[in-house]
Amino acid sequence: MNYASLIEHYGYFALFLGTLLEGETVLVLAGLAAFQGYLALHWVILIALLGGFLGDQIYFWLGRRHGSWVLSQFPRLLPVFKRADLLIERYHELLIVGIRFLYGFRTVGPMALGMSSVLAWRFMLFNLLGAVIWAAGIGSAGYLFGDALTLIFNDLKKVEEALLAFMLFVGGAVWAWRRYRFRRKFK
């Protein structure tokens, strides 16, 4: 099975799973795949919207139900959550919409919001707004990235596998570095 058929068969499913967790790299790659004609951009945006929205809803409810347990397991996180709570009380609408644009806060942010006094229906409303902006913006950026790459490479199909491997490597390296820094900070 080649690259194109893998994307055509599993691309939307991988996009949904990726956006359920973090998603920026997967969404950019899906936008690039849409530019190349493997996926449809409107489906990429819709699936990313659903995955991003549901993922943040899950993390919000995990924070609401199990936040105190998380803090008891990682007591060094308590000052971070206390500082975050002050910001949440004042700017929760802006934080709910914008948290998905802050790399590394996509999981912790909704959990912190779930542990706060933010009402669930307000979180859901602003989370939906943020998911729409994020999915349309990042998905379209991936599409435009593909268009820009055609200025560098005349035939993008000749380098697509190397480009995918490079982007996955960079995305994985950034994720591993941030995870390493986070673990080191809270040990």
N, C-alpha and C. Protein backbone atom coordinates (compact mmCIF):
# COMPACT_ATOMS: atom_id res chain seq x y z
N MET A 1 0.85 -1.17 0.00
CA MET A 1 0.00 0.00 0.00
C MET A 1 0.90 1.24 0.00
N ASN A 2 0.65 2.15 -0.92
CA ASN A 2 1.48 3.34 -1.02
C ASN A 2 0.94 4.50 -0.19
N TYR A 3 1.68 5.57 -0.20
CA TYR A 3 1.36 6.76 0.60
C TYR A 3 -0.03 7.29 0.28
N ALA A 4 -0.34 7.44 -0.98
CA ALA A 4 -1.62 8.02 -1.39
C ALA A 4 -2.80 7.17 -0.91
N SER A 5 -2.71 5.86 -1.08
CA SER A 5 -3.83 5.01 -0.66
C SER A 5 -3.96 4.94 0.86
N LEU A 6 -2.84 5.03 1.57
CA LEU A 6 -2.90 5.09 3.04
C LEU A 6 -3.67 6.33 3.49
N ILE A 7 -3.37 7.46 2.89
CA ILE A 7 -4.06 8.69 3.27
C ILE A 7 -5.53 8.62 2.89
N GLU A 8 -5.82 8.12 1.71
CA GLU A 8 -7.21 8.04 1.26
C GLU A 8 -8.03 7.09 2.13
N HIS A 9 -7.42 6.00 2.62
CA HIS A 9 -8.15 5.02 3.43
C HIS A 9 -8.23 5.40 4.91
N TYR A 10 -7.14 5.93 5.45
CA TYR A 10 -7.07 6.17 6.89
C TYR A 10 -6.89 7.64 7.28
N GLY A 11 -6.83 8.54 6.31
CA GLY A 11 -6.53 9.94 6.59
C GLY A 11 -7.53 10.61 7.50
N TYR A 12 -8.81 10.44 7.23
CA TYR A 12 -9.83 11.10 8.07
C TYR A 12 -9.86 10.51 9.47
N PHE A 13 -9.67 9.20 9.58
CA PHE A 13 -9.65 8.55 10.90
C PHE A 13 -8.43 9.02 11.69
N ALA A 14 -7.25 9.08 11.05
CA ALA A 14 -6.04 9.55 11.72
C ALA A 14 -6.19 11.01 12.12
N LEU A 15 -6.83 11.80 11.27
CA LEU A 15 -7.08 13.20 11.59
C LEU A 15 -7.96 13.32 12.83
N PHE A 16 -9.02 12.55 12.89
CA PHE A 16 -9.91 12.60 14.06
C PHE A 16 -9.17 12.23 15.33
N LEU A 17 -8.42 11.12 15.30
CA LEU A 17 -7.67 10.71 16.49
C LEU A 17 -6.63 11.75 16.88
N GLY A 18 -5.93 12.28 15.89
CA GLY A 18 -4.90 13.28 16.17
C GLY A 18 -5.46 14.55 16.76
N THR A 19 -6.60 15.00 16.25
CA THR A 19 -7.19 16.24 16.78
C THR A 19 -7.90 16.01 18.11
N LEU A 20 -8.24 14.78 18.40
CA LEU A 20 -8.81 14.45 19.70
C LEU A 20 -7.77 14.66 20.80
N LEU A 21 -6.50 14.43 20.47
CA LEU A 21 -5.41 14.56 21.44
C LEU A 21 -4.81 15.96 21.40
N GLU A 22 -3.93 16.22 20.48
CA GLU A 22 -3.32 17.54 20.35
C GLU A 22 -3.70 18.12 18.99
N GLY A 23 -3.10 17.61 17.93
CA GLY A 23 -3.64 17.84 16.61
C GLY A 23 -3.04 18.83 15.66
N GLU A 24 -2.20 19.77 16.08
CA GLU A 24 -1.74 20.78 15.14
C GLU A 24 -0.98 20.17 13.97
N THR A 25 -0.03 19.31 14.25
CA THR A 25 0.77 18.70 13.19
C THR A 25 -0.11 17.86 12.28
N VAL A 26 -0.98 17.08 12.85
CA VAL A 26 -1.87 16.22 12.05
C VAL A 26 -2.79 17.07 11.19
N LEU A 27 -3.29 18.16 11.73
CA LEU A 27 -4.19 19.03 10.97
C LEU A 27 -3.46 19.74 9.84
N VAL A 28 -2.25 20.19 10.07
CA VAL A 28 -1.47 20.80 8.99
C VAL A 28 -1.21 19.77 7.89
N LEU A 29 -0.85 18.56 8.28
CA LEU A 29 -0.62 17.50 7.29
C LEU A 29 -1.90 17.16 6.52
N ALA A 30 -3.03 17.17 7.20
CA ALA A 30 -4.30 16.90 6.52
C ALA A 30 -4.64 18.03 5.54
N GLY A 31 -4.36 19.27 5.92
CA GLY A 31 -4.55 20.39 5.00
C GLY A 31 -3.66 20.26 3.79
N LEU A 32 -2.43 19.83 4.00
CA LEU A 32 -1.50 19.58 2.90
C LEU A 32 -2.02 18.46 2.01
N ALA A 33 -2.54 17.40 2.62
CA ALA A 33 -3.11 16.28 1.85
C ALA A 33 -4.33 16.74 1.06
N ALA A 34 -5.09 17.68 1.61
CA ALA A 34 -6.24 18.23 0.89
C ALA A 34 -5.76 19.03 -0.33
N PHE A 35 -4.68 19.77 -0.16
CA PHE A 35 -4.14 20.51 -1.30
C PHE A 35 -3.73 19.56 -2.42
N GLN A 36 -3.17 18.42 -2.04
CA GLN A 36 -2.71 17.44 -3.03
C GLN A 36 -3.85 16.62 -3.61
N GLY A 37 -5.06 16.78 -3.08
CA GLY A 37 -6.21 16.09 -3.62
C GLY A 37 -6.52 14.74 -2.98
N TYR A 38 -5.80 14.37 -1.93
CA TYR A 38 -6.06 13.09 -1.26
C TYR A 38 -7.27 13.16 -0.33
N LEU A 39 -7.50 14.33 0.25
CA LEU A 39 -8.62 14.55 1.16
C LEU A 39 -9.36 15.81 0.70
N ALA A 40 -10.58 15.97 1.15
CA ALA A 40 -11.35 17.17 0.83
C ALA A 40 -11.21 18.16 1.99
N LEU A 41 -10.87 19.40 1.67
CA LEU A 41 -10.61 20.40 2.71
C LEU A 41 -11.82 20.62 3.61
N HIS A 42 -13.01 20.63 3.06
CA HIS A 42 -14.18 20.87 3.93
C HIS A 42 -14.37 19.72 4.92
N TRP A 43 -14.06 18.48 4.53
CA TRP A 43 -14.14 17.36 5.47
C TRP A 43 -13.00 17.42 6.49
N VAL A 44 -11.82 17.86 6.05
CA VAL A 44 -10.69 18.01 6.98
C VAL A 44 -11.07 18.99 8.09
N ILE A 45 -11.65 20.13 7.70
CA ILE A 45 -12.03 21.15 8.69
C ILE A 45 -13.13 20.62 9.61
N LEU A 46 -14.13 19.98 9.05
CA LEU A 46 -15.23 19.47 9.87
C LEU A 46 -14.77 18.39 10.84
N ILE A 47 -13.96 17.46 10.38
CA ILE A 47 -13.49 16.38 11.25
C ILE A 47 -12.55 16.92 12.32
N ALA A 48 -11.70 17.87 11.95
CA ALA A 48 -10.81 18.49 12.95
C ALA A 48 -11.62 19.25 13.99
N LEU A 49 -12.67 19.94 13.54
CA LEU A 49 -13.56 20.65 14.46
C LEU A 49 -14.16 19.67 15.46
N LEU A 50 -14.69 18.56 14.96
CA LEU A 50 -15.30 17.57 15.86
C LEU A 50 -14.27 16.96 16.81
N GLY A 51 -13.11 16.56 16.29
CA GLY A 51 -12.08 15.97 17.15
C GLY A 51 -11.57 16.94 18.19
N GLY A 52 -11.29 18.17 17.77
CA GLY A 52 -10.81 19.18 18.71
C GLY A 52 -11.84 19.52 19.77
N PHE A 53 -13.09 19.67 19.35
CA PHE A 53 -14.16 19.98 20.29
C PHE A 53 -14.35 18.85 21.30
N LEU A 54 -14.49 17.63 20.81
CA LEU A 54 -14.71 16.49 21.71
C LEU A 54 -13.53 16.24 22.64
N GLY A 55 -12.31 16.38 22.11
CA GLY A 55 -11.13 16.19 22.95
C GLY A 55 -11.10 17.16 24.12
N ASP A 56 -11.37 18.42 23.83
CA ASP A 56 -11.36 19.41 24.92
C ASP A 56 -12.52 19.20 25.89
N GLN A 57 -13.65 18.74 25.38
CA GLN A 57 -14.77 18.43 26.28
C GLN A 57 -14.39 17.28 27.22
N ILE A 58 -13.73 16.28 26.69
CA ILE A 58 -13.30 15.14 27.52
C ILE A 58 -12.33 15.60 28.60
N TYR A 59 -11.33 16.42 28.20
CA TYR A 59 -10.36 16.91 29.18
C TYR A 59 -11.02 17.82 30.22
N PHE A 60 -11.99 18.61 29.81
CA PHE A 60 -12.73 19.46 30.75
C PHE A 60 -13.41 18.58 31.81
N TRP A 61 -14.10 17.55 31.35
CA TRP A 61 -14.83 16.69 32.31
C TRP A 61 -13.88 15.85 33.14
N LEU A 62 -12.72 15.48 32.60
CA LEU A 62 -11.72 14.80 33.43
C LEU A 62 -11.25 15.72 34.55
N GLY A 63 -11.02 16.99 34.21
CA GLY A 63 -10.64 17.96 35.23
C GLY A 63 -11.74 18.17 36.25
N ARG A 64 -12.97 18.20 35.80
CA ARG A 64 -14.10 18.42 36.70
C ARG A 64 -14.26 17.24 37.65
N ARG A 65 -14.12 16.02 37.15
CA ARG A 65 -14.36 14.83 37.98
C ARG A 65 -13.12 14.35 38.74
N HIS A 66 -11.93 14.49 38.12
CA HIS A 66 -10.73 13.89 38.71
C HIS A 66 -9.60 14.89 38.95
N GLY A 67 -9.90 16.16 38.89
CA GLY A 67 -8.87 17.19 39.06
C GLY A 67 -8.16 17.12 40.39
N SER A 68 -8.91 16.90 41.45
CA SER A 68 -8.28 16.83 42.78
C SER A 68 -7.36 15.63 42.89
N TRP A 69 -7.72 14.52 42.25
CA TRP A 69 -6.85 13.35 42.26
C TRP A 69 -5.55 13.65 41.52
N VAL A 70 -5.64 14.32 40.37
CA VAL A 70 -4.44 14.69 39.60
C VAL A 70 -3.52 15.55 40.46
N LEU A 71 -4.09 16.53 41.14
CA LEU A 71 -3.27 17.40 41.99
C LEU A 71 -2.69 16.65 43.18
N SER A 72 -3.40 15.65 43.69
CA SER A 72 -2.83 14.87 44.79
C SER A 72 -1.68 13.98 44.31
N GLN A 73 -1.72 13.57 43.07
CA GLN A 73 -0.65 12.75 42.51
C GLN A 73 0.57 13.58 42.11
N PHE A 74 0.32 14.84 41.72
CA PHE A 74 1.38 15.74 41.28
C PHE A 74 1.27 17.05 42.06
N PRO A 75 1.63 17.05 43.33
CA PRO A 75 1.44 18.24 44.17
C PRO A 75 2.23 19.46 43.70
N ARG A 76 3.28 19.25 42.92
CA ARG A 76 4.05 20.39 42.42
C ARG A 76 3.27 21.17 41.38
N LEU A 77 2.18 20.60 40.88
CA LEU A 77 1.34 21.30 39.92
C LEU A 77 0.39 22.30 40.59
N LEU A 78 0.22 22.16 41.89
CA LEU A 78 -0.75 23.00 42.61
C LEU A 78 -0.51 24.50 42.41
N PRO A 79 0.73 25.01 42.55
CA PRO A 79 0.92 26.45 42.32
C PRO A 79 0.58 26.88 40.90
N VAL A 80 0.86 26.02 39.94
CA VAL A 80 0.55 26.33 38.54
C VAL A 80 -0.96 26.44 38.37
N PHE A 81 -1.71 25.51 38.93
CA PHE A 81 -3.16 25.55 38.81
C PHE A 81 -3.76 26.72 39.60
N LYS A 82 -3.15 27.09 40.70
CA LYS A 82 -3.65 28.25 41.45
C LYS A 82 -3.47 29.53 40.64
N ARG A 83 -2.31 29.69 40.01
CA ARG A 83 -2.09 30.87 39.15
C ARG A 83 -3.03 30.84 37.96
N ALA A 84 -3.21 29.66 37.38
CA ALA A 84 -4.11 29.54 36.23
C ALA A 84 -5.54 29.87 36.63
N ASP A 85 -5.92 29.49 37.83
CA ASP A 85 -7.29 29.74 38.28
C ASP A 85 -7.59 31.23 38.37
N LEU A 86 -6.60 32.03 38.76
CA LEU A 86 -6.79 33.48 38.81
C LEU A 86 -7.06 34.03 37.40
N LEU A 87 -6.31 33.55 36.44
CA LEU A 87 -6.53 33.98 35.05
C LEU A 87 -7.88 33.49 34.53
N ILE A 88 -8.22 32.28 34.89
CA ILE A 88 -9.49 31.69 34.42
C ILE A 88 -10.67 32.50 34.94
N GLU A 89 -10.62 32.91 36.18
CA GLU A 89 -11.74 33.67 36.75
C GLU A 89 -11.97 34.98 36.01
N ARG A 90 -10.89 35.62 35.58
CA ARG A 90 -11.02 36.92 34.92
C ARG A 90 -11.26 36.80 33.42
N TYR A 91 -10.60 35.84 32.77
CA TYR A 91 -10.59 35.81 31.30
C TYR A 91 -11.02 34.45 30.74
N HIS A 92 -11.97 33.78 31.37
CA HIS A 92 -12.24 32.40 30.97
C HIS A 92 -12.75 32.29 29.53
N GLU A 93 -13.52 33.25 29.03
CA GLU A 93 -14.01 33.15 27.66
C GLU A 93 -12.85 33.17 26.68
N LEU A 94 -11.96 34.13 26.85
CA LEU A 94 -10.79 34.25 25.97
C LEU A 94 -9.88 33.03 26.09
N LEU A 95 -9.69 32.55 27.30
CA LEU A 95 -8.84 31.37 27.51
C LEU A 95 -9.44 30.12 26.86
N ILE A 96 -10.74 29.95 26.97
CA ILE A 96 -11.37 28.76 26.40
C ILE A 96 -11.18 28.76 24.88
N VAL A 97 -11.40 29.90 24.24
CA VAL A 97 -11.24 30.00 22.79
C VAL A 97 -9.77 29.85 22.40
N GLY A 98 -8.89 30.50 23.14
CA GLY A 98 -7.49 30.57 22.72
C GLY A 98 -6.57 29.46 23.20
N ILE A 99 -6.99 28.67 24.16
CA ILE A 99 -6.08 27.68 24.76
C ILE A 99 -5.59 26.67 23.74
N ARG A 100 -6.39 26.36 22.75
CA ARG A 100 -6.00 25.37 21.75
C ARG A 100 -4.91 25.88 20.83
N PHE A 101 -4.66 27.18 20.83
CA PHE A 101 -3.60 27.75 20.01
C PHE A 101 -2.27 27.81 20.76
N LEU A 102 -2.27 27.48 22.04
CA LEU A 102 -1.06 27.49 22.84
C LEU A 102 -0.52 26.06 22.93
N TYR A 103 0.53 25.80 22.18
CA TYR A 103 1.06 24.44 22.11
C TYR A 103 1.44 23.95 23.51
N GLY A 104 1.02 22.75 23.82
CA GLY A 104 1.32 22.15 25.10
C GLY A 104 0.25 22.37 26.17
N PHE A 105 -0.67 23.29 25.91
CA PHE A 105 -1.74 23.56 26.87
C PHE A 105 -3.06 22.95 26.44
N ARG A 106 -3.07 22.27 25.33
CA ARG A 106 -4.30 21.74 24.77
C ARG A 106 -4.95 20.71 25.69
N THR A 107 -4.15 19.97 26.44
CA THR A 107 -4.68 18.98 27.37
C THR A 107 -4.85 19.58 28.77
N VAL A 108 -3.84 20.26 29.24
CA VAL A 108 -3.84 20.80 30.59
C VAL A 108 -4.84 21.94 30.73
N GLY A 109 -4.97 22.76 29.70
CA GLY A 109 -5.87 23.91 29.75
C GLY A 109 -7.31 23.53 30.03
N PRO A 110 -7.90 22.65 29.21
CA PRO A 110 -9.28 22.25 29.50
C PRO A 110 -9.44 21.55 30.85
N MET A 111 -8.41 20.81 31.28
CA MET A 111 -8.50 20.19 32.61
C MET A 111 -8.53 21.25 33.70
N ALA A 112 -7.68 22.28 33.56
CA ALA A 112 -7.68 23.38 34.53
C ALA A 112 -9.01 24.11 34.51
N LEU A 113 -9.57 24.31 33.33
CA LEU A 113 -10.87 24.95 33.23
C LEU A 113 -11.96 24.09 33.87
N GLY A 114 -11.84 22.77 33.74
CA GLY A 114 -12.79 21.87 34.39
C GLY A 114 -12.69 21.92 35.90
N MET A 115 -11.51 22.19 36.42
CA MET A 115 -11.31 22.25 37.86
C MET A 115 -11.75 23.60 38.42
N SER A 116 -12.04 24.56 37.55
CA SER A 116 -12.43 25.89 38.00
C SER A 116 -13.94 25.98 38.16
N SER A 117 -14.41 27.19 38.40
CA SER A 117 -15.85 27.39 38.57
C SER A 117 -16.56 27.73 37.26
N VAL A 118 -15.87 27.58 36.13
CA VAL A 118 -16.50 27.86 34.84
C VAL A 118 -17.66 26.89 34.64
N LEU A 119 -18.81 27.44 34.27
CA LEU A 119 -19.98 26.60 34.03
C LEU A 119 -19.78 25.73 32.79
N ALA A 120 -20.27 24.51 32.85
CA ALA A 120 -20.07 23.55 31.76
C ALA A 120 -20.65 24.05 30.45
N TRP A 121 -21.82 24.68 30.47
CA TRP A 121 -22.42 25.14 29.23
C TRP A 121 -21.63 26.29 28.62
N ARG A 122 -21.00 27.13 29.46
CA ARG A 122 -20.15 28.22 28.94
C ARG A 122 -18.90 27.64 28.30
N PHE A 123 -18.32 26.65 28.96
CA PHE A 123 -17.14 26.01 28.37
C PHE A 123 -17.50 25.41 27.01
N MET A 124 -18.62 24.71 26.95
CA MET A 124 -19.02 24.06 25.71
C MET A 124 -19.22 25.08 24.59
N LEU A 125 -19.87 26.18 24.88
CA LEU A 125 -20.14 27.21 23.88
C LEU A 125 -18.85 27.83 23.35
N PHE A 126 -17.98 28.26 24.25
CA PHE A 126 -16.73 28.89 23.83
C PHE A 126 -15.74 27.87 23.26
N ASN A 127 -15.81 26.63 23.72
CA ASN A 127 -15.00 25.57 23.15
C ASN A 127 -15.39 25.33 21.69
N LEU A 128 -16.67 25.34 21.40
CA LEU A 128 -17.13 25.17 20.02
C LEU A 128 -16.64 26.31 19.14
N LEU A 129 -16.73 27.52 19.64
CA LEU A 129 -16.23 28.68 18.88
C LEU A 129 -14.73 28.54 18.61
N GLY A 130 -13.98 28.17 19.63
CA GLY A 130 -12.54 27.99 19.47
C GLY A 130 -12.22 26.87 18.49
N ALA A 131 -12.98 25.79 18.54
CA ALA A 131 -12.74 24.66 17.63
C ALA A 131 -13.01 25.06 16.18
N VAL A 132 -14.03 25.86 15.94
CA VAL A 132 -14.33 26.33 14.58
C VAL A 132 -13.17 27.18 14.06
N ILE A 133 -12.74 28.14 14.86
CA ILE A 133 -11.64 29.02 14.43
C ILE A 133 -10.37 28.23 14.21
N TRP A 134 -10.05 27.32 15.14
CA TRP A 134 -8.82 26.53 15.07
C TRP A 134 -8.83 25.60 13.86
N ALA A 135 -9.91 24.85 13.66
CA ALA A 135 -9.96 23.89 12.56
C ALA A 135 -9.89 24.59 11.21
N ALA A 136 -10.65 25.66 11.06
CA ALA A 136 -10.63 26.39 9.79
C ALA A 136 -9.28 27.07 9.57
N GLY A 137 -8.72 27.66 10.60
CA GLY A 137 -7.45 28.37 10.46
C GLY A 137 -6.26 27.46 10.21
N ILE A 138 -6.10 26.45 11.04
CA ILE A 138 -4.94 25.56 10.91
C ILE A 138 -5.09 24.65 9.68
N GLY A 139 -6.30 24.16 9.42
CA GLY A 139 -6.52 23.33 8.22
C GLY A 139 -6.24 24.11 6.95
N SER A 140 -6.71 25.34 6.90
CA SER A 140 -6.46 26.19 5.73
C SER A 140 -4.98 26.55 5.63
N ALA A 141 -4.32 26.74 6.76
CA ALA A 141 -2.88 27.02 6.73
C ALA A 141 -2.12 25.85 6.13
N GLY A 142 -2.52 24.62 6.46
CA GLY A 142 -1.89 23.45 5.86
C GLY A 142 -2.11 23.41 4.36
N TYR A 143 -3.31 23.76 3.94
CA TYR A 143 -3.62 23.82 2.51
C TYR A 143 -2.75 24.87 1.82
N LEU A 144 -2.65 26.05 2.42
CA LEU A 144 -1.81 27.12 1.85
C LEU A 144 -0.33 26.76 1.90
N PHE A 145 0.06 26.00 2.91
CA PHE A 145 1.43 25.52 3.00
C PHE A 145 1.76 24.64 1.79
N GLY A 146 0.81 23.80 1.40
CA GLY A 146 0.99 22.98 0.21
C GLY A 146 1.14 23.83 -1.04
N ASP A 147 0.33 24.87 -1.12
CA ASP A 147 0.41 25.79 -2.26
C ASP A 147 1.78 26.47 -2.29
N ALA A 148 2.26 26.90 -1.13
CA ALA A 148 3.57 27.55 -1.07
C ALA A 148 4.70 26.58 -1.42
N LEU A 149 4.55 25.33 -1.03
CA LEU A 149 5.59 24.34 -1.35
C LEU A 149 5.71 24.10 -2.86
N THR A 150 4.63 24.29 -3.58
CA THR A 150 4.72 24.10 -5.03
C THR A 150 5.58 25.18 -5.68
N LEU A 151 5.79 26.30 -4.99
CA LEU A 151 6.71 27.31 -5.49
C LEU A 151 8.17 26.86 -5.36
N ILE A 152 8.42 26.04 -4.35
CA ILE A 152 9.78 25.52 -4.12
C ILE A 152 10.02 24.26 -4.93
N PHE A 153 9.07 23.34 -4.86
CA PHE A 153 9.18 22.07 -5.58
C PHE A 153 8.15 22.09 -6.70
N ASN A 154 8.61 21.96 -7.92
CA ASN A 154 7.68 21.99 -9.05
C ASN A 154 6.65 20.88 -8.97
N ASP A 155 7.08 19.68 -8.62
CA ASP A 155 6.16 18.55 -8.51
C ASP A 155 6.20 18.04 -7.08
N LEU A 156 5.22 18.42 -6.31
CA LEU A 156 5.17 18.09 -4.88
C LEU A 156 5.05 16.58 -4.66
N LYS A 157 4.45 15.88 -5.60
CA LYS A 157 4.26 14.44 -5.43
C LYS A 157 5.60 13.69 -5.37
N LYS A 158 6.64 14.24 -5.98
CA LYS A 158 7.96 13.58 -5.97
C LYS A 158 8.62 13.62 -4.59
N VAL A 159 8.29 14.61 -3.79
CA VAL A 159 8.94 14.77 -2.48
C VAL A 159 7.98 14.58 -1.31
N GLU A 160 6.74 14.17 -1.58
CA GLU A 160 5.73 14.14 -0.52
C GLU A 160 6.07 13.17 0.60
N GLU A 161 6.66 12.02 0.30
CA GLU A 161 6.98 11.07 1.36
C GLU A 161 8.11 11.60 2.25
N ALA A 162 9.13 12.21 1.64
CA ALA A 162 10.22 12.78 2.43
C ALA A 162 9.70 13.97 3.25
N LEU A 163 8.83 14.75 2.67
CA LEU A 163 8.25 15.90 3.38
C LEU A 163 7.41 15.43 4.56
N LEU A 164 6.61 14.40 4.36
CA LEU A 164 5.81 13.85 5.46
C LEU A 164 6.70 13.34 6.58
N ALA A 165 7.74 12.60 6.22
CA ALA A 165 8.65 12.07 7.24
C ALA A 165 9.33 13.21 8.00
N PHE A 166 9.73 14.25 7.28
CA PHE A 166 10.36 15.40 7.93
C PHE A 166 9.41 16.10 8.89
N MET A 167 8.18 16.33 8.45
CA MET A 167 7.20 17.02 9.30
C MET A 167 6.84 16.18 10.52
N LEU A 168 6.69 14.88 10.34
CA LEU A 168 6.41 14.01 11.48
C LEU A 168 7.58 13.99 12.46
N PHE A 169 8.80 13.99 11.92
CA PHE A 169 9.98 14.02 12.78
C PHE A 169 10.04 15.31 13.59
N VAL A 170 9.83 16.45 12.92
CA VAL A 170 9.87 17.74 13.61
C VAL A 170 8.75 17.81 14.65
N GLY A 171 7.53 17.41 14.27
CA GLY A 171 6.41 17.41 15.22
C GLY A 171 6.69 16.51 16.41
N GLY A 172 7.22 15.32 16.17
CA GLY A 172 7.56 14.40 17.25
C GLY A 172 8.68 14.92 18.14
N ALA A 173 9.67 15.56 17.53
CA ALA A 173 10.79 16.11 18.30
C ALA A 173 10.32 17.25 19.20
N VAL A 174 9.48 18.13 18.68
CA VAL A 174 8.94 19.23 19.49
C VAL A 174 8.10 18.66 20.63
N TRP A 175 7.26 17.68 20.33
CA TRP A 175 6.43 17.06 21.37
C TRP A 175 7.31 16.42 22.45
N ALA A 176 8.35 15.66 22.04
CA ALA A 176 9.22 14.99 23.00
C ALA A 176 9.99 16.01 23.86
N TRP A 177 10.45 17.09 23.24
CA TRP A 177 11.18 18.11 23.98
C TRP A 177 10.28 18.77 25.02
N ARG A 178 9.06 19.12 24.63
CA ARG A 178 8.13 19.76 25.57
C ARG A 178 7.77 18.81 26.69
N ARG A 179 7.58 17.54 26.37
CA ARG A 179 7.26 16.55 27.39
C ARG A 179 8.43 16.38 28.36
N TYR A 180 9.63 16.34 27.83
CA TYR A 180 10.83 16.23 28.67
C TYR A 180 10.93 17.42 29.61
N ARG A 181 10.74 18.63 29.08
CA ARG A 181 10.81 19.84 29.91
C ARG A 181 9.73 19.85 30.97
N PHE A 182 8.52 19.42 30.62
CA PHE A 182 7.42 19.39 31.58
C PHE A 182 7.72 18.40 32.70
N ARG A 183 8.17 17.21 32.34
CA ARG A 183 8.46 16.20 33.37
C ARG A 183 9.61 16.64 34.27
N ARG A 184 10.61 17.24 33.68
CA ARG A 184 11.75 17.69 34.45
C ARG A 184 11.36 18.81 35.41
N LYS A 185 10.46 19.67 34.97
CA LYS A 185 10.02 20.79 35.79
C LYS A 185 9.20 20.35 36.99
N PHE A 186 8.42 19.27 36.86
CA PHE A 186 7.51 18.86 37.92
C PHE A 186 7.90 17.54 38.57
N LYS A 187 9.17 17.21 38.56
CA LYS A 187 9.62 16.00 39.27
C LYS A 187 9.88 16.28 40.70
